[in-house]
């Protein structure tokens, strides 16, 4: 049987999807079974996804178990950040205004534009030749 104190949320960014399971605990954060520093080796990405935890001051109160897949490391970090913010908001609705003001509850919908036929890229054209 599932623990009734679990909160499940989903965060998305580019083509990455992060499923976040939140329980009350000691502040342990696991991403795909690893610690944050082991999974996100770039310090800027690890700091970026910790923003909602530091902003709301829930460090040490909640445990997060995160499963993330798809996209690259930057997209995954954004997806985890979005999922963490949604989980914290679900856990404590009075923190919604703080998270909303800082833009952490908004899904960043920017994705890579598709390549068009007859062109080398999404916007780039082949070189024009008059003759």
Protein backbone atom coordinates (compact mmCIF):
# COMPACT_ATOMS: atom_id res chain seq x y z
CA UNK A 1 0.00 0.00 0.00
CA UNK A 2 1.21 3.51 -0.79
CA UNK A 3 2.20 5.88 1.99
CA UNK A 4 -0.55 8.49 2.43
CA UNK A 5 2.01 11.22 3.17
CA UNK A 6 3.51 10.96 -0.32
CA UNK A 7 3.15 13.80 -2.79
CA UNK A 8 3.71 13.07 -6.48
CA UNK A 9 4.35 15.88 -8.97
CA UNK A 10 5.69 16.21 -12.49
CA UNK A 11 8.05 18.87 -13.81
CA UNK A 12 8.82 19.49 -17.47
CA UNK A 13 11.39 21.47 -19.45
CA UNK A 14 12.28 21.10 -23.15
CA UNK A 15 11.91 17.33 -23.74
CA UNK A 16 12.83 16.32 -20.17
CA UNK A 17 10.26 15.01 -17.69
CA UNK A 18 10.91 14.73 -13.94
CA UNK A 19 8.65 12.75 -11.61
CA UNK A 20 9.09 13.90 -8.01
CA UNK A 21 8.02 11.85 -4.99
CA UNK A 22 7.98 13.92 -1.80
CA UNK A 23 7.82 12.59 1.75
CA UNK A 24 8.53 14.15 5.12
CA UNK A 25 12.04 13.33 6.23
CA UNK A 26 15.57 14.58 6.75
CA UNK A 27 16.24 16.49 3.50
CA UNK A 28 17.63 13.67 1.36
CA UNK A 29 17.41 14.31 -2.39
CA UNK A 30 18.00 11.46 -4.85
CA UNK A 31 17.96 11.92 -8.64
CA UNK A 32 17.71 8.60 -10.49
CA UNK A 33 19.12 6.87 -7.39
CA UNK A 34 22.12 9.21 -7.02
CA UNK A 35 22.87 12.27 -4.93
CA UNK A 36 22.42 15.63 -6.69
CA UNK A 37 26.17 16.34 -6.80
CA UNK A 38 26.80 12.95 -8.43
CA UNK A 39 24.06 13.29 -11.05
CA UNK A 40 24.38 17.00 -11.90
CA UNK A 41 28.16 17.44 -12.01
CA UNK A 42 27.95 21.09 -13.18
CA UNK A 43 27.63 23.18 -10.03
CA UNK A 44 25.43 25.80 -11.76
CA UNK A 45 22.80 23.17 -12.64
CA UNK A 46 22.79 21.71 -9.13
CA UNK A 47 22.39 25.21 -7.67
CA UNK A 48 19.64 26.03 -10.18
CA UNK A 49 17.46 23.10 -9.18
CA UNK A 50 18.00 23.77 -5.45
CA UNK A 51 16.46 27.27 -5.74
CA UNK A 52 12.89 26.32 -4.71
CA UNK A 53 14.18 24.43 -1.65
CA UNK A 54 16.43 27.29 -0.51
CA UNK A 55 13.83 29.99 -1.27
CA UNK A 56 11.08 28.34 0.78
CA UNK A 57 13.32 27.04 3.57
CA UNK A 58 12.11 23.43 3.46
CA UNK A 59 15.66 22.03 3.48
CA UNK A 60 15.87 19.26 6.08
CA UNK A 61 12.09 18.82 6.32
CA UNK A 62 11.30 16.91 3.12
CA UNK A 63 12.83 13.99 1.24
CA UNK A 64 12.70 14.04 -2.55
CA UNK A 65 13.05 11.00 -4.78
CA UNK A 66 13.27 12.15 -8.38
CA UNK A 67 13.10 10.12 -11.59
CA UNK A 68 14.10 12.20 -14.60
CA UNK A 69 14.47 11.21 -18.25
CA UNK A 70 14.64 12.76 -21.69
CA UNK A 71 16.55 15.76 -22.97
CA UNK A 72 19.97 16.89 -21.85
CA UNK A 73 21.35 17.92 -18.49
CA UNK A 74 20.14 21.55 -18.69
CA UNK A 75 16.61 20.45 -19.60
CA UNK A 76 16.62 17.83 -16.86
CA UNK A 77 17.77 20.40 -14.28
CA UNK A 78 14.92 22.68 -15.32
CA UNK A 79 12.41 19.83 -15.16
CA UNK A 80 13.60 18.85 -11.67
CA UNK A 81 13.37 22.48 -10.50
CA UNK A 82 9.81 22.74 -11.84
CA UNK A 83 8.81 19.44 -10.21
CA UNK A 84 10.35 20.42 -6.85
CA UNK A 85 8.54 23.77 -6.88
CA UNK A 86 5.22 22.06 -7.61
CA UNK A 87 5.83 19.50 -4.86
CA UNK A 88 6.64 22.18 -2.27
CA UNK A 89 3.54 24.14 -3.30
CA UNK A 90 1.38 21.02 -2.94
CA UNK A 91 2.94 20.23 0.47
CA UNK A 92 2.46 23.77 1.80
CA UNK A 93 -0.04 25.90 -0.20
CA UNK A 94 0.90 29.08 1.73
CA UNK A 95 4.31 28.99 -0.02
CA UNK A 96 2.62 29.33 -3.43
CA UNK A 97 2.95 33.13 -3.57
CA UNK A 98 6.71 32.98 -2.90
CA UNK A 99 7.24 30.37 -5.63
CA UNK A 100 4.89 32.09 -8.08
CA UNK A 101 6.62 35.46 -7.63
CA UNK A 102 10.00 33.96 -8.47
CA UNK A 103 8.56 32.20 -11.56
CA UNK A 104 9.26 28.64 -10.42
CA UNK A 105 5.73 27.32 -10.90
CA UNK A 106 5.60 28.40 -14.55
CA UNK A 107 6.59 25.75 -17.06
CA UNK A 108 9.27 27.06 -19.41
CA UNK A 109 7.63 26.13 -22.71
CA UNK A 110 10.57 26.95 -24.98
CA UNK A 111 11.49 23.91 -27.06
CA UNK A 112 13.75 23.36 -30.06
CA UNK A 113 12.14 24.40 -33.34
CA UNK A 114 11.78 21.71 -35.99
CA UNK A 115 13.91 21.61 -39.12
CA UNK A 116 12.00 22.69 -42.24
CA UNK A 117 12.27 20.81 -45.57
CA UNK A 118 14.62 22.30 -48.15
CA UNK A 119 16.66 24.11 -45.48
CA UNK A 120 19.75 23.10 -43.49
CA UNK A 121 18.12 24.00 -40.16
CA UNK A 122 15.03 25.49 -38.57
CA UNK A 123 15.70 29.07 -39.73
CA UNK A 124 18.93 28.89 -41.71
CA UNK A 125 18.71 28.95 -45.50
CA UNK A 126 21.12 27.63 -48.10
CA UNK A 127 23.36 30.34 -49.59
CA UNK A 128 21.62 32.36 -52.32
CA UNK A 129 23.30 32.39 -55.72
CA UNK A 130 22.11 34.84 -58.36
CA UNK A 131 24.01 33.03 -61.13
